[in-house]
Amino acid sequence: MKLISVKMPEALIEGMDELVRKGMYPSRSAVMRMAVRDLLKNELGKFKSSNER
């Protein structure tokens, strides 16, 4: 995997932290990966994650 840096509003970071605290995701990175994957799937329609290949 490659590393990227993203600036985000504090409210979004707090939301990600809440998902991690609730045990829904293991880390902020996992939240971001799923969010981007879902966005690409919706926008491109044909995107597959590396796990689905």
PDB file of N, CA and C in Angstrom:
ATOM      1  N   MET A   1       0.841  -1.180   0.000  1.00  0.00           N
ATOM      2  CA  MET A   1       0.000   0.000   0.000  1.00  0.00           C
ATOM      3  C   MET A   1       0.880   1.234   0.000  1.00  0.00           C
ATOM      4  N   LYS A   2       0.347   2.292  -0.578  1.00  0.00           N
ATOM      5  CA  LYS A   2       1.044   3.577  -0.573  1.00  0.00           C
ATOM      6  C   LYS A   2       0.453   4.459   0.516  1.00  0.00           C
ATOM      7  N   LEU A   3       1.271   5.377   0.998  1.00  0.00           N
ATOM      8  CA  LEU A   3       0.861   6.317   2.033  1.00  0.00           C
ATOM      9  C   LEU A   3       0.473   7.638   1.384  1.00  0.00           C
ATOM     10  N   ILE A   4      -0.688   8.197   1.794  1.00  0.00           N
ATOM     11  CA  ILE A   4      -1.092   9.534   1.358  1.00  0.00           C
ATOM     12  C   ILE A   4      -1.445  10.349   2.594  1.00  0.00           C
ATOM     13  N   SER A   5      -1.345  11.658   2.487  1.00  0.00           N
ATOM     14  CA  SER A   5      -1.728  12.561   3.575  1.00  0.00           C
ATOM     15  C   SER A   5      -2.976  13.315   3.147  1.00  0.00           C
ATOM     16  N   VAL A   6      -3.907  13.472   4.077  1.00  0.00           N
ATOM     17  CA  VAL A   6      -5.167  14.145   3.775  1.00  0.00           C
ATOM     18  C   VAL A   6      -5.491  15.113   4.909  1.00  0.00           C
ATOM     19  N   LYS A   7      -5.847  16.343   4.560  1.00  0.00           N
ATOM     20  CA  LYS A   7      -6.326  17.302   5.552  1.00  0.00           C
ATOM     21  C   LYS A   7      -7.836  17.174   5.612  1.00  0.00           C
ATOM     22  N   MET A   8      -8.372  17.068   6.843  1.00  0.00           N
ATOM     23  CA  MET A   8      -9.813  16.889   7.025  1.00  0.00           C
ATOM     24  C   MET A   8     -10.306  17.772   8.156  1.00  0.00           C
ATOM     25  N   PRO A   9     -11.575  18.189   8.083  1.00  0.00           N
ATOM     26  CA  PRO A   9     -12.156  18.944   9.194  1.00  0.00           C
ATOM     27  C   PRO A   9     -12.188  18.081  10.462  1.00  0.00           C
ATOM     28  N   GLU A  10     -12.038  18.731  11.581  1.00  0.00           N
ATOM     29  CA  GLU A  10     -12.015  18.039  12.872  1.00  0.00           C
ATOM     30  C   GLU A  10     -13.256  17.175  13.081  1.00  0.00           C
ATOM     31  N   ALA A  11     -14.414  17.649  12.637  1.00  0.00           N
ATOM     32  CA  ALA A  11     -15.658  16.890  12.834  1.00  0.00           C
ATOM     33  C   ALA A  11     -15.598  15.528  12.141  1.00  0.00           C
ATOM     34  N   LEU A  12     -14.992  15.458  10.961  1.00  0.00           N
ATOM     35  CA  LEU A  12     -14.872  14.176  10.263  1.00  0.00           C
ATOM     36  C   LEU A  12     -13.910  13.246  10.990  1.00  0.00           C
ATOM     37  N   ILE A  13     -12.829  13.803  11.506  1.00  0.00           N
ATOM     38  CA  ILE A  13     -11.867  12.997  12.257  1.00  0.00           C
ATOM     39  C   ILE A  13     -12.520  12.450  13.521  1.00  0.00           C
ATOM     40  N   GLU A  14     -13.302  13.282  14.191  1.00  0.00           N
ATOM     41  CA  GLU A  14     -14.002  12.821  15.395  1.00  0.00           C
ATOM     42  C   GLU A  14     -14.977  11.703  15.055  1.00  0.00           C
ATOM     43  N   GLY A  15     -15.650  11.814  13.917  1.00  0.00           N
ATOM     44  CA  GLY A  15     -16.559  10.755  13.485  1.00  0.00           C
ATOM     45  C   GLY A  15     -15.819   9.456  13.225  1.00  0.00           C
ATOM     46  N   MET A  16     -14.668   9.548  12.572  1.00  0.00           N
ATOM     47  CA  MET A  16     -13.862   8.346  12.332  1.00  0.00           C
ATOM     48  C   MET A  16     -13.409   7.733  13.647  1.00  0.00           C
ATOM     49  N   ASP A  17     -12.975   8.576  14.573  1.00  0.00           N
ATOM     50  CA  ASP A  17     -12.529   8.082  15.877  1.00  0.00           C
ATOM     51  C   ASP A  17     -13.658   7.372  16.619  1.00  0.00           C
ATOM     52  N   GLU A  18     -14.876   7.870  16.484  1.00  0.00           N
ATOM     53  CA  GLU A  18     -16.017   7.225  17.131  1.00  0.00           C
ATOM     54  C   GLU A  18     -16.254   5.831  16.548  1.00  0.00           C
ATOM     55  N   LEU A  19     -16.152   5.694  15.235  1.00  0.00           N
ATOM     56  CA  LEU A  19     -16.306   4.376  14.602  1.00  0.00           C
ATOM     57  C   LEU A  19     -15.244   3.404  15.104  1.00  0.00           C
ATOM     58  N   VAL A  20     -14.030   3.903  15.290  1.00  0.00           N
ATOM     59  CA  VAL A  20     -12.941   3.060  15.797  1.00  0.00           C
ATOM     60  C   VAL A  20     -13.202   2.698  17.260  1.00  0.00           C
ATOM     61  N   ARG A  21     -13.612   3.672  18.071  1.00  0.00           N
ATOM     62  CA  ARG A  21     -13.917   3.415  19.493  1.00  0.00           C
ATOM     63  C   ARG A  21     -15.007   2.369  19.656  1.00  0.00           C
ATOM     64  N   LYS A  22     -16.007   2.412  18.774  1.00  0.00           N
ATOM     65  CA  LYS A  22     -17.118   1.459  18.846  1.00  0.00           C
ATOM     66  C   LYS A  22     -16.733   0.081  18.319  1.00  0.00           C
ATOM     67  N   GLY A  23     -15.509  -0.045  17.812  1.00  0.00           N
ATOM     68  CA  GLY A  23     -15.029  -1.325  17.325  1.00  0.00           C
ATOM     69  C   GLY A  23     -15.513  -1.688  15.932  1.00  0.00           C
ATOM     70  N   MET A  24     -16.066  -0.721  15.219  1.00  0.00           N
ATOM     71  CA  MET A  24     -16.576  -0.988  13.872  1.00  0.00           C
ATOM     72  C   MET A  24     -15.441  -1.093  12.857  1.00  0.00           C
ATOM     73  N   TYR A  25     -14.333  -0.433  13.141  1.00  0.00           N
ATOM     74  CA  TYR A  25     -13.140  -0.474  12.296  1.00  0.00           C
ATOM     75  C   TYR A  25     -11.928  -0.514  13.216  1.00  0.00           C
ATOM     76  N   PRO A  26     -10.836  -1.131  12.762  1.00  0.00           N
ATOM     77  CA  PRO A  26      -9.655  -1.223  13.617  1.00  0.00           C
ATOM     78  C   PRO A  26      -8.828   0.062  13.689  1.00  0.00           C
ATOM     79  N   SER A  27      -9.003   0.973  12.720  1.00  0.00           N
ATOM     80  CA  SER A  27      -8.176   2.181  12.677  1.00  0.00           C
ATOM     81  C   SER A  27      -8.810   3.242  11.777  1.00  0.00           C
ATOM     82  N   ARG A  28      -8.303   4.458  11.885  1.00  0.00           N
ATOM     83  CA  ARG A  28      -8.731   5.529  10.976  1.00  0.00           C
ATOM     84  C   ARG A  28      -8.423   5.145   9.534  1.00  0.00           C
ATOM     85  N   SER A  29      -7.279   4.529   9.331  1.00  0.00           N
ATOM     86  CA  SER A  29      -6.898   4.124   7.970  1.00  0.00           C
ATOM     87  C   SER A  29      -7.921   3.181   7.370  1.00  0.00           C
ATOM     88  N   ALA A  30      -8.410   2.254   8.177  1.00  0.00           N
ATOM     89  CA  ALA A  30      -9.415   1.305   7.686  1.00  0.00           C
ATOM     90  C   ALA A  30     -10.706   2.034   7.324  1.00  0.00           C
ATOM     91  N   VAL A  31     -11.090   3.013   8.133  1.00  0.00           N
ATOM     92  CA  VAL A  31     -12.286   3.815   7.832  1.00  0.00           C
ATOM     93  C   VAL A  31     -12.106   4.516   6.487  1.00  0.00           C
ATOM     94  N   MET A  32     -10.953   5.141   6.290  1.00  0.00           N
ATOM     95  CA  MET A  32     -10.690   5.861   5.044  1.00  0.00           C
ATOM     96  C   MET A  32     -10.673   4.922   3.842  1.00  0.00           C
ATOM     97  N   ARG A  33     -10.044   3.756   3.983  1.00  0.00           N
ATOM     98  CA  ARG A  33     -10.006   2.808   2.864  1.00  0.00           C
ATOM     99  C   ARG A  33     -11.407   2.393   2.447  1.00  0.00           C
ATOM    100  N   MET A  34     -12.250   2.080   3.431  1.00  0.00           N
ATOM    101  CA  MET A  34     -13.619   1.659   3.120  1.00  0.00           C
ATOM    102  C   MET A  34     -14.416   2.805   2.504  1.00  0.00           C
ATOM    103  N   ALA A  35     -14.239   4.013   3.026  1.00  0.00           N
ATOM    104  CA  ALA A  35     -14.975   5.169   2.503  1.00  0.00           C
ATOM    105  C   ALA A  35     -14.588   5.450   1.050  1.00  0.00           C
ATOM    106  N   VAL A  36     -13.301   5.408   0.754  1.00  0.00           N
ATOM    107  CA  VAL A  36     -12.844   5.664  -0.615  1.00  0.00           C
ATOM    108  C   VAL A  36     -13.284   4.535  -1.533  1.00  0.00           C
ATOM    109  N   ARG A  37     -13.187   3.296  -1.057  1.00  0.00           N
ATOM    110  CA  ARG A  37     -13.630   2.158  -1.870  1.00  0.00           C
ATOM    111  C   ARG A  37     -15.105   2.292  -2.226  1.00  0.00           C
ATOM    112  N   ASP A  38     -15.933   2.630  -1.222  1.00  0.00           N
ATOM    113  CA  ASP A  38     -17.370   2.783  -1.471  1.00  0.00           C
ATOM    114  C   ASP A  38     -17.656   3.941  -2.424  1.00  0.00           C
ATOM    115  N   LEU A  39     -16.930   5.045  -2.284  1.00  0.00           N
ATOM    116  CA  LEU A  39     -17.096   6.182  -3.191  1.00  0.00           C
ATOM    117  C   LEU A  39     -16.767   5.774  -4.625  1.00  0.00           C
ATOM    118  N   LEU A  40     -15.642   5.107  -4.805  1.00  0.00           N
ATOM    119  CA  LEU A  40     -15.244   4.684  -6.152  1.00  0.00           C
ATOM    120  C   LEU A  40     -16.235   3.688  -6.733  1.00  0.00           C
ATOM    121  N   LYS A  41     -16.723   2.799  -5.897  1.00  0.00           N
ATOM    122  CA  LYS A  41     -17.710   1.814  -6.346  1.00  0.00           C
ATOM    123  C   LYS A  41     -18.979   2.524  -6.829  1.00  0.00           C
ATOM    124  N   ASN A  42     -19.429   3.515  -6.070  1.00  0.00           N
ATOM    125  CA  ASN A  42     -20.636   4.265  -6.435  1.00  0.00           C
ATOM    126  C   ASN A  42     -20.416   5.149  -7.657  1.00  0.00           C
ATOM    127  N   GLU A  43     -19.288   5.817  -7.715  1.00  0.00           N
ATOM    128  CA  GLU A  43     -19.021   6.761  -8.802  1.00  0.00           C
ATOM    129  C   GLU A  43     -18.617   6.064 -10.098  1.00  0.00           C
ATOM    130  N   LEU A  44     -17.834   5.009  -9.978  1.00  0.00           N
ATOM    131  CA  LEU A  44     -17.336   4.328 -11.174  1.00  0.00           C
ATOM    132  C   LEU A  44     -18.141   3.081 -11.513  1.00  0.00           C
ATOM    133  N   GLY A  45     -18.837   2.557 -10.539  1.00  0.00           N
ATOM    134  CA  GLY A  45     -19.694   1.405 -10.760  1.00  0.00           C
ATOM    135  C   GLY A  45     -18.984   0.089 -10.965  1.00  0.00           C
ATOM    136  N   LYS A  46     -17.774   0.126 -11.431  1.00  0.00           N
ATOM    137  CA  LYS A  46     -17.082  -1.117 -11.749  1.00  0.00           C
ATOM    138  C   LYS A  46     -15.852  -1.354 -10.887  1.00  0.00           C
ATOM    139  N   PHE A  47     -15.594  -0.475  -9.939  1.00  0.00           N
ATOM    140  CA  PHE A  47     -14.402  -0.584  -9.108  1.00  0.00           C
ATOM    141  C   PHE A  47     -14.486  -1.795  -8.200  1.00  0.00           C
ATOM    142  N   LYS A  48     -13.392  -2.517  -8.074  1.00  0.00           N
ATOM    143  CA  LYS A  48     -13.318  -3.648  -7.152  1.00  0.00           C
ATOM    144  C   LYS A  48     -12.144  -3.422  -6.220  1.00  0.00           C
ATOM    145  N   SER A  49     -12.325  -3.766  -4.955  1.00  0.00           N
ATOM    146  CA  SER A  49     -11.210  -3.655  -4.024  1.00  0.00           C
ATOM    147  C   SER A  49     -10.220  -4.770  -4.310  1.00  0.00           C
ATOM    148  N   SER A  50      -9.028  -4.645  -3.777  1.00  0.00           N
ATOM    149  CA  SER A  50      -8.004  -5.662  -4.018  1.00  0.00           C
ATOM    150  C   SER A  50      -8.425  -7.010  -3.452  1.00  0.00           C
ATOM    151  N   ASN A  51      -9.296  -7.024  -2.455  1.00  0.00           N
ATOM    152  CA  ASN A  51      -9.784  -8.278  -1.874  1.00  0.00           C
ATOM    153  C   ASN A  51     -10.776  -8.985  -2.784  1.00  0.00           C
ATOM    154  N   GLU A  52     -11.404  -8.259  -3.688  1.00  0.00           N
ATOM    155  CA  GLU A  52     -12.431  -8.831  -4.560  1.00  0.00           C
ATOM    156  C   GLU A  52     -11.856  -9.315  -5.884  1.00  0.00           C
ATOM    157  N   ARG A  53     -10.598  -9.059  -6.140  1.00  0.00           N
ATOM    158  CA  ARG A  53      -9.984  -9.429  -7.425  1.00  0.00           C
ATOM    159  C   ARG A  53      -9.608 -10.873  -7.463  1.00  0.00           C
TER     160      ARG A  53
END
